[in-house]
Amino acid sequence: MAEIEIQRDDIERMFSRFHVVVRDAGGETTHDVTLSSDDFGRYGKRFRSPDEFVRACFEFLLAREPKDSILASFDVSVIARYFPEFEAEITAER
């Protein structure tokens, strides 16, 4: 299982920026991620914080592709373009 480290770099009124490090036996990758307040409201209702939501996004991605295939820089909104099931899965009650 990969270790996911989330660090919120910047918080603005409309969006947050995160620096994410994913580590596993094969090494580590780093990712810069933005999350708008609108997307957190749409997708992240069941999460206590944006940080927790970004972690869940990476768990979702890592279940589908290796860490090296995850974009180095992206906005959370693009995940649904690559994985149409993202919205249904990330918003499902657990």
Protein backbone atom coordinates (compact mmCIF):
# COMPACT_ATOMS: atom_id res chain seq x y z
CA MET A 1 0.00 0.00 0.00
CA ALA A 2 1.32 3.41 -0.94
CA GLU A 3 1.87 6.10 1.66
CA ILE A 4 0.19 9.38 0.73
CA GLU A 5 1.42 12.61 2.32
CA ILE A 6 -0.79 15.70 1.89
CA GLN A 7 0.43 19.23 2.55
CA ARG A 8 -1.85 22.17 1.91
CA ASP A 9 0.32 24.85 0.36
CA ASP A 10 -2.10 27.71 -0.07
CA ILE A 11 -5.67 28.48 0.83
CA GLU A 12 -7.55 31.10 -1.07
CA ARG A 13 -11.18 31.98 -1.11
CA MET A 14 -12.00 30.05 -4.28
CA PHE A 15 -9.48 27.21 -4.21
CA SER A 16 -6.79 25.39 -2.27
CA ARG A 17 -3.43 24.11 -3.45
CA PHE A 18 -1.88 20.90 -2.20
CA HIS A 19 1.51 19.29 -2.52
CA VAL A 20 1.14 15.51 -2.46
CA VAL A 21 3.91 12.94 -2.09
CA VAL A 22 3.16 9.29 -2.86
CA ARG A 23 5.70 6.76 -1.57
CA ASP A 24 5.89 3.02 -2.02
CA ALA A 25 8.57 0.36 -2.41
CA GLY A 26 9.31 1.69 -5.90
CA GLY A 27 10.15 5.23 -4.75
CA GLU A 28 8.15 8.43 -4.61
CA THR A 29 6.32 10.84 -6.85
CA THR A 30 5.24 14.41 -6.16
CA HIS A 31 2.10 16.14 -7.35
CA ASP A 32 0.72 19.67 -7.14
CA VAL A 33 -3.06 19.63 -6.96
CA THR A 34 -5.67 22.38 -6.91
CA LEU A 35 -9.19 22.02 -5.58
CA SER A 36 -11.85 24.69 -6.04
CA SER A 37 -14.38 25.35 -3.31
CA ASP A 38 -17.11 24.49 -5.85
CA ASP A 39 -15.59 21.06 -6.57
CA PHE A 40 -15.15 20.36 -2.86
CA GLY A 41 -18.81 21.25 -2.36
CA ARG A 42 -19.84 19.01 -5.26
CA TYR A 43 -17.63 15.98 -4.65
CA GLY A 44 -16.39 16.28 -1.08
CA LYS A 45 -19.53 16.52 1.04
CA ARG A 46 -18.81 13.31 2.95
CA PHE A 47 -15.25 14.33 3.85
CA ARG A 48 -14.33 16.31 6.95
CA SER A 49 -11.75 18.47 5.17
CA PRO A 50 -10.31 19.24 1.76
CA ASP A 51 -7.11 17.42 2.83
CA GLU A 52 -9.08 14.24 3.53
CA PHE A 53 -10.85 14.59 0.18
CA VAL A 54 -7.57 14.99 -1.74
CA ARG A 55 -6.26 11.85 0.00
CA ALA A 56 -9.38 9.97 -1.16
CA CYS A 57 -8.79 11.24 -4.70
CA PHE A 58 -5.29 9.77 -4.64
CA GLU A 59 -6.55 6.48 -3.22
CA PHE A 60 -9.06 6.41 -6.09
CA LEU A 61 -6.33 7.11 -8.65
CA LEU A 62 -3.87 4.61 -7.17
CA ALA A 63 -6.50 1.88 -7.37
CA ARG A 64 -6.54 2.45 -11.15
CA GLU A 65 -3.01 3.38 -12.17
CA PRO A 66 0.56 3.40 -10.85
CA LYS A 67 1.75 6.50 -9.04
CA ASP A 68 4.10 7.30 -11.93
CA SER A 69 1.10 7.67 -14.27
CA ILE A 70 -0.61 10.33 -12.14
CA LEU A 71 -0.10 13.82 -13.55
CA ALA A 72 2.52 15.92 -11.77
CA SER A 73 0.17 18.91 -11.67
CA PHE A 74 -3.61 18.91 -12.04
CA ASP A 75 -6.93 20.21 -10.79
CA VAL A 76 -9.22 17.65 -9.15
CA SER A 77 -11.90 18.42 -11.75
CA VAL A 78 -9.88 16.63 -14.46
CA ILE A 79 -10.10 13.24 -12.72
CA ALA A 80 -13.65 12.71 -14.01
CA ARG A 81 -12.45 13.30 -17.59
CA TYR A 82 -10.07 10.34 -17.31
CA PHE A 83 -12.30 8.20 -15.07
CA PRO A 84 -16.05 8.69 -15.67
CA GLU A 85 -16.88 6.67 -12.54
CA PHE A 86 -15.06 9.18 -10.30
CA GLU A 87 -18.08 11.27 -9.26
CA ALA A 88 -20.25 8.27 -8.37
CA GLU A 89 -17.49 6.55 -6.41
CA ILE A 90 -16.07 9.56 -4.57
CA THR A 91 -19.53 10.75 -3.46
CA ALA A 92 -20.85 7.29 -2.46
CA GLU A 93 -21.54 6.86 1.23
CA ARG A 94 -19.22 4.38 2.93
